[in-house]
Amino acid sequence: MKTKKLSITLFSLSLCFFLSLNSKAAINYVIVNDSVVCPDTIEGTNYYELDLNGDDIVDFKIGARFELTFEFSAKTFDCHYTSVVSLNENRFCAGPLFDGDTISSSLNFVENDVLYGYAVEHGGYLGYWPSTIPSVDDFAFIGLEFDFNNETYFGWIKLKTDGQSVTIESFAWNQVANQPIFAGQTN
């Protein structure tokens, strides 16, 4: 009888603990429509402007960029790349991150960088993604760290890129300050 009562008590405590963990997660998840971004001019950048928390302030810009670069010999090189720019003291982790990876203060966050690109003058491919993403058709995540009302929040963006264009599928953020989120977490 004592064993059964102890089992029920442990089960009840475990259930309460599990429910309290889930009550702390308030994930805001958004599926993005029409999200393919390509350079909009012969030489220029076109950005997807991400307002993560809906306060009408752009937090991050994800862009597909094309530039003509020149060497001293006046030889022209094409340079295609996908970049991420953080605004308003926000930061991101280029990763790449994959389903289930934890996004928290333990990651290396930066303000802007190249995810994927190709530039002859840099010896070919550049950025974080070329050596770790199996195919340009595969989606991966970047981690987000942003400030809102003097609190730090974590989120993710799911995208794919070949350096010449970027497709953003979805994004999410944990609405509980200083709490991690898992890449791909939607609730």
N, C-alpha and C. Protein backbone atom coordinates (compact mmCIF):
# COMPACT_ATOMS: atom_id res chain seq x y z
N MET A 1 0.82 -1.19 0.00
CA MET A 1 0.00 0.00 0.00
C MET A 1 0.86 1.26 0.00
N LYS A 2 1.96 1.26 0.80
CA LYS A 2 2.85 2.41 0.84
C LYS A 2 3.52 2.64 -0.51
N THR A 3 3.88 1.57 -1.20
CA THR A 3 4.52 1.69 -2.50
C THR A 3 3.57 2.33 -3.51
N LYS A 4 2.30 1.93 -3.47
CA LYS A 4 1.32 2.49 -4.40
C LYS A 4 1.10 3.98 -4.11
N LYS A 5 1.02 4.34 -2.83
CA LYS A 5 0.82 5.73 -2.43
C LYS A 5 2.03 6.57 -2.83
N LEU A 6 3.25 6.03 -2.63
CA LEU A 6 4.47 6.71 -3.00
C LEU A 6 4.53 6.90 -4.52
N SER A 7 4.14 5.90 -5.28
CA SER A 7 4.13 5.99 -6.75
C SER A 7 3.17 7.07 -7.22
N ILE A 8 2.00 7.12 -6.63
CA ILE A 8 1.01 8.14 -7.00
C ILE A 8 1.53 9.53 -6.66
N THR A 9 2.15 9.67 -5.50
CA THR A 9 2.71 10.96 -5.10
C THR A 9 3.82 11.40 -6.05
N LEU A 10 4.74 10.49 -6.38
CA LEU A 10 5.82 10.82 -7.31
C LEU A 10 5.27 11.17 -8.70
N PHE A 11 4.27 10.42 -9.15
CA PHE A 11 3.65 10.73 -10.43
C PHE A 11 3.02 12.12 -10.40
N SER A 12 2.33 12.45 -9.34
CA SER A 12 1.68 13.76 -9.20
C SER A 12 2.70 14.88 -9.20
N LEU A 13 3.80 14.70 -8.46
CA LEU A 13 4.86 15.71 -8.44
C LEU A 13 5.51 15.87 -9.80
N SER A 14 5.75 14.75 -10.48
CA SER A 14 6.33 14.80 -11.82
C SER A 14 5.42 15.53 -12.79
N LEU A 15 4.14 15.25 -12.72
CA LEU A 15 3.17 15.90 -13.60
C LEU A 15 3.12 17.39 -13.32
N CYS A 16 3.12 17.79 -12.07
CA CYS A 16 3.12 19.22 -11.72
C CYS A 16 4.37 19.91 -12.24
N PHE A 17 5.53 19.25 -12.11
CA PHE A 17 6.78 19.82 -12.61
C PHE A 17 6.73 19.97 -14.12
N PHE A 18 6.27 18.95 -14.83
CA PHE A 18 6.16 19.00 -16.29
C PHE A 18 5.22 20.12 -16.72
N LEU A 19 4.07 20.24 -16.07
CA LEU A 19 3.11 21.29 -16.43
C LEU A 19 3.67 22.67 -16.14
N SER A 20 4.44 22.81 -15.06
CA SER A 20 5.03 24.12 -14.77
C SER A 20 6.08 24.49 -15.80
N LEU A 21 6.82 23.51 -16.32
CA LEU A 21 7.78 23.80 -17.39
C LEU A 21 7.06 24.25 -18.65
N ASN A 22 5.99 23.57 -19.01
CA ASN A 22 5.25 23.94 -20.21
C ASN A 22 4.56 25.29 -20.05
N SER A 23 4.15 25.66 -18.86
CA SER A 23 3.48 26.94 -18.68
C SER A 23 4.45 28.10 -18.85
N LYS A 24 5.76 27.84 -18.71
CA LYS A 24 6.76 28.89 -18.88
C LYS A 24 7.03 29.17 -20.35
N ALA A 25 6.72 28.26 -21.22
CA ALA A 25 6.99 28.45 -22.65
C ALA A 25 5.78 29.07 -23.32
N ALA A 26 5.96 30.25 -23.85
CA ALA A 26 4.92 30.94 -24.61
C ALA A 26 5.55 31.30 -25.95
N ILE A 27 5.45 30.41 -26.89
CA ILE A 27 6.13 30.57 -28.17
C ILE A 27 5.23 31.29 -29.16
N ASN A 28 5.75 32.34 -29.76
CA ASN A 28 5.06 33.04 -30.85
C ASN A 28 5.66 32.51 -32.15
N TYR A 29 4.87 31.76 -32.92
CA TYR A 29 5.33 31.08 -34.14
C TYR A 29 4.62 31.69 -35.34
N VAL A 30 5.39 32.02 -36.40
CA VAL A 30 4.83 32.64 -37.59
C VAL A 30 5.34 31.92 -38.83
N ILE A 31 4.41 31.53 -39.70
CA ILE A 31 4.76 30.98 -41.01
C ILE A 31 4.80 32.15 -41.98
N VAL A 32 5.86 32.24 -42.76
CA VAL A 32 6.06 33.36 -43.68
C VAL A 32 5.61 32.96 -45.08
N ASN A 33 4.83 33.82 -45.71
CA ASN A 33 4.41 33.60 -47.09
C ASN A 33 5.20 34.51 -48.03
N ASP A 34 5.44 34.06 -49.26
CA ASP A 34 6.14 34.87 -50.26
C ASP A 34 7.47 35.39 -49.72
N SER A 35 8.32 34.49 -49.31
CA SER A 35 9.52 34.91 -48.60
C SER A 35 10.82 34.78 -49.39
N VAL A 36 10.77 34.56 -50.69
CA VAL A 36 12.00 34.44 -51.46
C VAL A 36 12.56 35.83 -51.71
N VAL A 37 13.81 36.03 -51.31
CA VAL A 37 14.46 37.32 -51.46
C VAL A 37 15.64 37.16 -52.41
N CYS A 38 15.67 37.97 -53.45
CA CYS A 38 16.78 38.00 -54.41
C CYS A 38 17.24 39.44 -54.54
N PRO A 39 18.46 39.67 -54.96
CA PRO A 39 18.88 41.06 -55.19
C PRO A 39 17.92 41.75 -56.15
N ASP A 40 17.56 42.99 -55.85
CA ASP A 40 16.56 43.68 -56.65
C ASP A 40 17.14 44.55 -57.77
N THR A 41 18.43 44.65 -57.85
CA THR A 41 19.05 45.40 -58.94
C THR A 41 20.25 44.62 -59.43
N ILE A 42 20.88 45.12 -60.47
CA ILE A 42 22.08 44.45 -60.98
C ILE A 42 23.15 44.42 -59.90
N GLU A 43 23.28 45.50 -59.17
CA GLU A 43 24.22 45.52 -58.05
C GLU A 43 23.48 46.11 -56.86
N GLY A 44 23.13 45.30 -55.91
CA GLY A 44 22.39 45.80 -54.76
C GLY A 44 21.94 44.71 -53.83
N THR A 45 21.12 45.11 -52.87
CA THR A 45 20.63 44.19 -51.86
C THR A 45 19.13 44.34 -51.73
N ASN A 46 18.46 43.23 -51.51
CA ASN A 46 17.05 43.23 -51.20
C ASN A 46 16.92 42.49 -49.88
N TYR A 47 16.27 43.09 -48.89
CA TYR A 47 16.19 42.52 -47.57
C TYR A 47 14.78 42.10 -47.20
N TYR A 48 14.69 41.02 -46.42
CA TYR A 48 13.47 40.68 -45.71
C TYR A 48 13.61 41.33 -44.35
N GLU A 49 12.70 42.22 -44.01
CA GLU A 49 12.77 42.92 -42.74
C GLU A 49 11.91 42.19 -41.72
N LEU A 50 12.54 41.69 -40.68
CA LEU A 50 11.87 40.88 -39.68
C LEU A 50 11.59 41.71 -38.43
N ASP A 51 10.31 41.92 -38.16
CA ASP A 51 9.84 42.52 -36.91
C ASP A 51 9.37 41.35 -36.06
N LEU A 52 10.26 40.84 -35.26
CA LEU A 52 10.02 39.58 -34.55
C LEU A 52 8.83 39.64 -33.60
N ASN A 53 8.70 40.72 -32.85
CA ASN A 53 7.67 40.78 -31.81
C ASN A 53 6.48 41.67 -32.19
N GLY A 54 6.40 42.13 -33.43
CA GLY A 54 5.24 42.89 -33.89
C GLY A 54 5.10 44.29 -33.31
N ASP A 55 6.21 44.93 -32.92
CA ASP A 55 6.14 46.28 -32.36
C ASP A 55 6.42 47.36 -33.41
N ASP A 56 6.39 47.00 -34.69
CA ASP A 56 6.64 47.91 -35.82
C ASP A 56 8.08 48.44 -35.85
N ILE A 57 8.99 47.73 -35.23
CA ILE A 57 10.41 48.07 -35.28
C ILE A 57 11.13 46.86 -35.88
N VAL A 58 11.87 47.08 -36.96
CA VAL A 58 12.59 45.99 -37.62
C VAL A 58 13.74 45.55 -36.72
N ASP A 59 13.77 44.26 -36.40
CA ASP A 59 14.80 43.70 -35.51
C ASP A 59 15.98 43.12 -36.29
N PHE A 60 15.69 42.49 -37.45
CA PHE A 60 16.72 41.84 -38.26
C PHE A 60 16.40 42.04 -39.73
N LYS A 61 17.46 42.11 -40.55
CA LYS A 61 17.32 42.13 -42.00
C LYS A 61 18.07 40.94 -42.57
N ILE A 62 17.40 40.15 -43.40
CA ILE A 62 18.03 39.01 -44.06
C ILE A 62 18.06 39.36 -45.54
N GLY A 63 19.24 39.38 -46.14
CA GLY A 63 19.33 39.87 -47.50
C GLY A 63 20.10 38.97 -48.43
N ALA A 64 19.71 39.04 -49.71
CA ALA A 64 20.46 38.41 -50.78
C ALA A 64 21.18 39.55 -51.50
N ARG A 65 22.47 39.44 -51.61
CA ARG A 65 23.26 40.56 -52.12
C ARG A 65 24.09 40.12 -53.33
N PHE A 66 24.21 41.05 -54.26
CA PHE A 66 25.07 40.83 -55.42
C PHE A 66 25.93 42.07 -55.59
N GLU A 67 27.21 41.86 -55.80
CA GLU A 67 28.13 42.97 -56.03
C GLU A 67 29.07 42.63 -57.16
N LEU A 68 29.47 43.65 -57.88
CA LEU A 68 30.58 43.52 -58.83
C LEU A 68 31.81 44.04 -58.11
N THR A 69 32.82 43.23 -58.00
CA THR A 69 34.04 43.66 -57.32
C THR A 69 35.17 43.73 -58.33
N PHE A 70 36.16 44.52 -58.05
CA PHE A 70 37.26 44.74 -58.97
C PHE A 70 38.59 44.51 -58.27
N GLU A 71 39.53 43.97 -59.01
CA GLU A 71 40.91 43.88 -58.54
C GLU A 71 41.68 45.02 -59.18
N PHE A 72 42.94 45.12 -58.84
CA PHE A 72 43.77 46.18 -59.42
C PHE A 72 43.88 46.06 -60.94
N SER A 73 43.71 44.85 -61.44
CA SER A 73 43.77 44.63 -62.88
C SER A 73 42.47 45.04 -63.57
N ALA A 74 41.52 45.54 -62.82
CA ALA A 74 40.20 45.95 -63.32
C ALA A 74 39.38 44.76 -63.80
N LYS A 75 39.76 43.55 -63.37
CA LYS A 75 38.99 42.37 -63.70
C LYS A 75 37.76 42.33 -62.79
N THR A 76 36.61 42.05 -63.36
CA THR A 76 35.36 42.04 -62.60
C THR A 76 35.05 40.64 -62.09
N PHE A 77 34.65 40.55 -60.83
CA PHE A 77 34.20 39.29 -60.25
C PHE A 77 32.78 39.46 -59.75
N ASP A 78 31.99 38.43 -59.93
CA ASP A 78 30.66 38.42 -59.33
C ASP A 78 30.77 37.94 -57.89
N CYS A 79 30.04 38.57 -57.02
CA CYS A 79 30.02 38.18 -55.62
C CYS A 79 28.57 38.09 -55.18
N HIS A 80 28.10 36.88 -54.91
CA HIS A 80 26.74 36.65 -54.43
C HIS A 80 26.83 36.17 -52.98
N TYR A 81 25.97 36.69 -52.12
CA TYR A 81 25.95 36.17 -50.77
C TYR A 81 24.66 36.53 -50.05
N THR A 82 24.39 35.78 -48.99
CA THR A 82 23.25 36.03 -48.12
C THR A 82 23.79 36.54 -46.79
N SER A 83 23.26 37.66 -46.36
CA SER A 83 23.74 38.24 -45.11
C SER A 83 22.59 38.48 -44.15
N VAL A 84 22.94 38.56 -42.88
CA VAL A 84 21.98 38.90 -41.84
C VAL A 84 22.54 40.11 -41.10
N VAL A 85 21.68 41.09 -40.87
CA VAL A 85 22.07 42.30 -40.16
C VAL A 85 21.12 42.47 -38.98
N SER A 86 21.68 42.67 -37.80
CA SER A 86 20.88 42.90 -36.60
C SER A 86 20.73 44.40 -36.40
N LEU A 87 19.58 44.81 -35.98
CA LEU A 87 19.32 46.21 -35.70
C LEU A 87 18.98 46.38 -34.22
N ASN A 88 19.14 47.58 -33.71
CA ASN A 88 18.73 47.92 -32.34
C ASN A 88 19.39 47.06 -31.28
N GLU A 89 20.68 46.79 -31.45
CA GLU A 89 21.46 46.00 -30.49
C GLU A 89 21.02 44.55 -30.36
N ASN A 90 20.27 44.05 -31.33
CA ASN A 90 19.91 42.63 -31.37
C ASN A 90 21.08 41.86 -31.97
N ARG A 91 21.07 40.54 -31.79
CA ARG A 91 22.17 39.72 -32.30
C ARG A 91 21.64 38.38 -32.78
N PHE A 92 22.45 37.66 -33.54
CA PHE A 92 22.04 36.35 -34.05
C PHE A 92 23.22 35.40 -34.05
N CYS A 93 22.91 34.12 -34.10
CA CYS A 93 23.91 33.07 -34.22
C CYS A 93 23.72 32.41 -35.58
N ALA A 94 24.71 32.53 -36.45
CA ALA A 94 24.59 32.03 -37.82
C ALA A 94 24.49 30.51 -37.87
N GLY A 95 25.00 29.87 -36.85
CA GLY A 95 24.90 28.40 -36.80
C GLY A 95 25.74 27.74 -37.87
N PRO A 96 25.12 26.96 -38.71
CA PRO A 96 23.69 26.72 -38.78
C PRO A 96 23.22 25.85 -37.62
N LEU A 97 21.96 26.02 -37.26
CA LEU A 97 21.34 25.22 -36.22
C LEU A 97 20.32 24.29 -36.87
N PHE A 98 20.02 23.20 -36.20
CA PHE A 98 19.11 22.20 -36.74
C PHE A 98 18.02 21.88 -35.73
N ASP A 99 16.95 21.22 -36.17
CA ASP A 99 15.81 20.89 -35.31
C ASP A 99 16.26 20.42 -33.94
N GLY A 100 15.74 21.06 -32.89
CA GLY A 100 16.01 20.64 -31.53
C GLY A 100 17.21 21.27 -30.87
N ASP A 101 18.08 21.97 -31.64
CA ASP A 101 19.22 22.65 -31.02
C ASP A 101 18.72 23.74 -30.07
N THR A 102 19.38 23.89 -28.94
CA THR A 102 18.99 24.87 -27.95
C THR A 102 19.53 26.25 -28.31
N ILE A 103 18.65 27.23 -28.27
CA ILE A 103 19.04 28.62 -28.53
C ILE A 103 18.92 29.35 -27.20
N SER A 104 20.09 29.74 -26.67
CA SER A 104 20.14 30.39 -25.36
C SER A 104 21.39 31.27 -25.33
N SER A 105 21.67 31.86 -24.19
CA SER A 105 22.83 32.74 -24.05
C SER A 105 24.16 32.01 -24.23
N SER A 106 24.15 30.70 -24.28
CA SER A 106 25.39 29.94 -24.44
C SER A 106 25.93 29.97 -25.88
N LEU A 107 25.14 30.43 -26.83
CA LEU A 107 25.58 30.49 -28.23
C LEU A 107 26.44 31.72 -28.48
N ASN A 108 27.18 31.69 -29.59
CA ASN A 108 28.00 32.83 -29.99
C ASN A 108 27.17 33.73 -30.91
N PHE A 109 26.67 34.83 -30.38
CA PHE A 109 25.83 35.76 -31.13
C PHE A 109 26.66 36.91 -31.68
N VAL A 110 26.34 37.36 -32.91
CA VAL A 110 27.01 38.48 -33.56
C VAL A 110 25.96 39.46 -34.09
N GLU A 111 26.43 40.63 -34.53
CA GLU A 111 25.49 41.64 -35.03
C GLU A 111 25.23 41.53 -36.52
N ASN A 112 26.20 41.12 -37.32
CA ASN A 112 25.98 40.88 -38.74
C ASN A 112 27.08 40.00 -39.29
N ASP A 113 26.69 39.22 -40.31
CA ASP A 113 27.64 38.28 -40.89
C ASP A 113 27.05 37.68 -42.16
N VAL A 114 27.88 36.90 -42.84
CA VAL A 114 27.47 36.22 -44.07
C VAL A 114 27.13 34.77 -43.74
N LEU A 115 25.94 34.32 -44.18
CA LEU A 115 25.56 32.93 -44.01
C LEU A 115 26.17 32.06 -45.09
N TYR A 116 26.02 32.51 -46.34
CA TYR A 116 26.43 31.69 -47.47
C TYR A 116 26.72 32.62 -48.64
N GLY A 117 27.77 32.33 -49.34
CA GLY A 117 28.06 33.15 -50.51
C GLY A 117 29.14 32.55 -51.37
N TYR A 118 29.37 33.22 -52.48
CA TYR A 118 30.41 32.81 -53.41
C TYR A 118 31.10 34.06 -53.92
N ALA A 119 32.39 34.14 -53.73
CA ALA A 119 33.18 35.27 -54.20
C ALA A 119 34.54 34.75 -54.64
N VAL A 120 34.83 34.89 -55.91
CA VAL A 120 36.09 34.38 -56.47
C VAL A 120 37.28 34.95 -55.72
N GLU A 121 37.26 36.25 -55.43
CA GLU A 121 38.42 36.89 -54.78
C GLU A 121 38.65 36.39 -53.36
N HIS A 122 37.67 35.74 -52.77
CA HIS A 122 37.83 35.16 -51.43
C HIS A 122 38.12 33.66 -51.50
N GLY A 123 38.44 33.19 -52.67
CA GLY A 123 38.78 31.78 -52.81
C GLY A 123 37.57 30.87 -52.97
N GLY A 124 36.44 31.41 -53.35
CA GLY A 124 35.26 30.58 -53.57
C GLY A 124 34.19 30.84 -52.53
N TYR A 125 33.74 29.77 -51.87
CA TYR A 125 32.62 29.88 -50.94
C TYR A 125 33.03 30.55 -49.64
N LEU A 126 32.09 31.27 -49.07
CA LEU A 126 32.35 31.95 -47.80
C LEU A 126 31.12 31.87 -46.92
N GLY A 127 31.28 32.21 -45.65
CA GLY A 127 30.18 32.16 -44.70
C GLY A 127 30.18 30.87 -43.91
N TYR A 128 29.17 30.71 -43.06
CA TYR A 128 29.09 29.59 -42.13
C TYR A 128 28.46 28.34 -42.73
N TRP A 129 27.61 28.49 -43.73
CA TRP A 129 26.77 27.39 -44.15
C TRP A 129 27.35 26.45 -45.20
N PRO A 130 28.26 26.86 -46.08
CA PRO A 130 28.67 25.96 -47.18
C PRO A 130 29.19 24.60 -46.76
N SER A 131 29.92 24.53 -45.66
CA SER A 131 30.53 23.26 -45.28
C SER A 131 29.64 22.41 -44.37
N THR A 132 28.54 22.96 -43.89
CA THR A 132 27.75 22.22 -42.91
C THR A 132 26.32 21.92 -43.35
N ILE A 133 25.84 22.53 -44.41
CA ILE A 133 24.50 22.24 -44.92
C ILE A 133 24.67 21.27 -46.09
N PRO A 134 24.04 20.12 -46.04
CA PRO A 134 24.23 19.11 -47.09
C PRO A 134 23.89 19.61 -48.50
N SER A 135 22.86 20.44 -48.62
CA SER A 135 22.41 20.90 -49.93
C SER A 135 21.80 22.28 -49.80
N VAL A 136 21.88 23.07 -50.86
CA VAL A 136 21.25 24.38 -50.84
C VAL A 136 19.72 24.27 -50.80
N ASP A 137 19.20 23.07 -50.99
CA ASP A 137 17.76 22.86 -50.90
C ASP A 137 17.30 22.53 -49.48
N ASP A 138 18.24 22.43 -48.54
CA ASP A 138 17.92 22.09 -47.16
C ASP A 138 17.72 23.34 -46.31
N PHE A 139 16.69 23.31 -45.47
CA PHE A 139 16.44 24.39 -44.53
C PHE A 139 17.28 24.17 -43.28
N ALA A 140 17.67 25.24 -42.65
CA ALA A 140 18.35 25.21 -41.35
C ALA A 140 17.89 26.46 -40.59
N PHE A 141 18.43 26.65 -39.41
CA PHE A 141 17.99 27.73 -38.54
C PHE A 141 19.15 28.66 -38.20
N ILE A 142 18.81 29.91 -37.95
CA ILE A 142 19.73 30.81 -37.25
C ILE A 142 19.06 31.15 -35.93
N GLY A 143 19.87 31.31 -34.90
CA GLY A 143 19.35 31.65 -33.59
C GLY A 143 19.29 33.16 -33.42
N LEU A 144 18.31 33.64 -32.68
CA LEU A 144 18.13 35.07 -32.46
C LEU A 144 18.20 35.41 -30.98
N GLU A 145 18.79 36.54 -30.69
CA GLU A 145 18.79 37.11 -29.34
C GLU A 145 18.39 38.56 -29.50
N PHE A 146 17.28 38.97 -28.90
CA PHE A 146 16.88 40.36 -29.08
C PHE A 146 16.36 40.93 -27.77
N ASP A 147 16.46 42.26 -27.70
CA ASP A 147 16.06 42.97 -26.50
C ASP A 147 14.72 43.67 -26.73
N PHE A 148 13.87 43.58 -25.73
CA PHE A 148 12.57 44.22 -25.77
C PHE A 148 12.20 44.59 -24.34
N ASN A 149 11.90 45.85 -24.11
CA ASN A 149 11.56 46.34 -22.76
C ASN A 149 12.62 45.97 -21.73
N ASN A 150 13.88 46.15 -22.11
CA ASN A 150 15.02 45.88 -21.24
C ASN A 150 15.13 44.43 -20.80
N GLU A 151 14.57 43.52 -21.56
CA GLU A 151 14.66 42.07 -21.30
C GLU A 151 15.24 41.40 -22.54
N THR A 152 15.88 40.25 -22.37
CA THR A 152 16.46 39.49 -23.48
C THR A 152 15.56 38.31 -23.81
N TYR A 153 15.31 38.11 -25.11
CA TYR A 153 14.46 37.02 -25.59
C TYR A 153 15.23 36.24 -26.66
N PHE A 154 14.86 34.97 -26.83
CA PHE A 154 15.51 34.11 -27.81
C PHE A 154 14.50 33.60 -28.83
N GLY A 155 14.96 33.44 -30.06
CA GLY A 155 14.09 32.96 -31.13
C GLY A 155 14.89 32.30 -32.23
N TRP A 156 14.23 31.98 -33.33
CA TRP A 156 14.88 31.36 -34.48
C TRP A 156 14.21 31.78 -35.78
N ILE A 157 14.96 31.65 -36.87
CA ILE A 157 14.44 31.82 -38.23
C ILE A 157 14.81 30.55 -38.99
N LYS A 158 13.85 29.96 -39.70
CA LYS A 158 14.11 28.79 -40.54
C LYS A 158 14.20 29.28 -41.98
N LEU A 159 15.34 28.98 -42.63
CA LEU A 159 15.55 29.46 -43.98
C LEU A 159 16.47 28.54 -44.76
N LYS A 160 16.54 28.79 -46.06
CA LYS A 160 17.52 28.12 -46.90
C LYS A 160 18.08 29.16 -47.86
N THR A 161 19.31 28.95 -48.33
CA THR A 161 19.93 29.89 -49.23
C THR A 161 20.98 29.21 -50.09
N ASP A 162 21.14 29.71 -51.29
CA ASP A 162 22.22 29.28 -52.16
C ASP A 162 23.21 30.42 -52.39
N GLY A 163 23.06 31.50 -51.62
CA GLY A 163 23.91 32.66 -51.77
C GLY A 163 23.35 33.66 -52.75
N GLN A 164 22.56 33.22 -53.71
CA GLN A 164 21.97 34.12 -54.69
C GLN A 164 20.54 34.50 -54.33
N SER A 165 19.90 33.70 -53.51
CA SER A 165 18.56 34.01 -53.01
C SER A 165 18.42 33.36 -51.64
N VAL A 166 17.45 33.83 -50.90
CA VAL A 166 17.18 33.26 -49.58
C VAL A 166 15.67 33.06 -49.46
N THR A 167 15.27 31.92 -48.94
CA THR A 167 13.86 31.61 -48.71
C THR A 167 13.64 31.47 -47.21
N ILE A 168 12.77 32.30 -46.67
CA ILE A 168 12.46 32.26 -45.25
C ILE A 168 11.13 31.54 -45.10
N GLU A 169 11.14 30.44 -44.35
CA GLU A 169 9.93 29.64 -44.18
C GLU A 169 9.10 30.07 -42.97
N SER A 170 9.78 30.30 -41.84
CA SER A 170 9.06 30.61 -40.61
C SER A 170 10.03 31.18 -39.58
N PHE A 171 9.46 31.70 -38.50
CA PHE A 171 10.27 32.16 -37.37
C PHE A 171 9.44 32.05 -36.10
N ALA A 172 10.13 32.06 -34.97
CA ALA A 172 9.46 31.97 -33.68
C ALA A 172 10.33 32.60 -32.61
N TRP A 173 9.70 32.96 -31.51
CA TRP A 173 10.47 33.45 -30.35
C TRP A 173 9.73 33.10 -29.06
N ASN A 174 10.52 32.89 -28.01
CA ASN A 174 9.98 32.57 -26.70
C ASN A 174 9.61 33.88 -26.03
N GLN A 175 8.35 34.05 -25.69
CA GLN A 175 7.88 35.30 -25.10
C GLN A 175 8.19 35.43 -23.62
N VAL A 176 8.85 34.43 -23.06
CA VAL A 176 9.29 34.49 -21.66
C VAL A 176 10.76 34.92 -21.66
N ALA A 177 11.05 36.05 -21.04
CA ALA A 177 12.39 36.62 -21.04
C ALA A 177 13.42 35.65 -20.47
N ASN A 178 14.59 35.65 -21.10
CA ASN A 178 15.76 34.87 -20.67
C ASN A 178 15.56 33.37 -20.69
N GLN A 179 14.51 32.89 -21.34
CA GLN A 179 14.27 31.45 -21.44
C GLN A 179 14.66 30.96 -22.81
N PRO A 180 15.33 29.82 -22.91
CA PRO A 180 15.76 29.30 -24.21
C PRO A 180 14.57 28.85 -25.06
N ILE A 181 14.86 28.64 -26.32
CA ILE A 181 13.90 28.06 -27.26
C ILE A 181 14.68 27.02 -28.05
N PHE A 182 14.01 26.02 -28.52
CA PHE A 182 14.65 25.01 -29.36
C PHE A 182 14.40 25.32 -30.84
N ALA A 183 15.39 25.13 -31.66
CA ALA A 183 15.22 25.36 -33.10
C ALA A 183 14.06 24.50 -33.59
N GLY A 184 13.10 25.13 -34.22
CA GLY A 184 11.92 24.44 -34.72
C GLY A 184 10.77 24.37 -33.73
N GLN A 185 10.97 24.82 -32.49
CA GLN A 185 9.91 24.78 -31.49
C GLN A 185 8.79 25.74 -31.87
N THR A 186 7.54 25.23 -31.86
CA THR A 186 6.40 26.04 -32.27
C THR A 186 5.38 26.23 -31.16
N ASN A 187 5.51 25.50 -30.07
CA ASN A 187 4.59 25.70 -28.94
C ASN A 187 5.25 25.29 -27.64
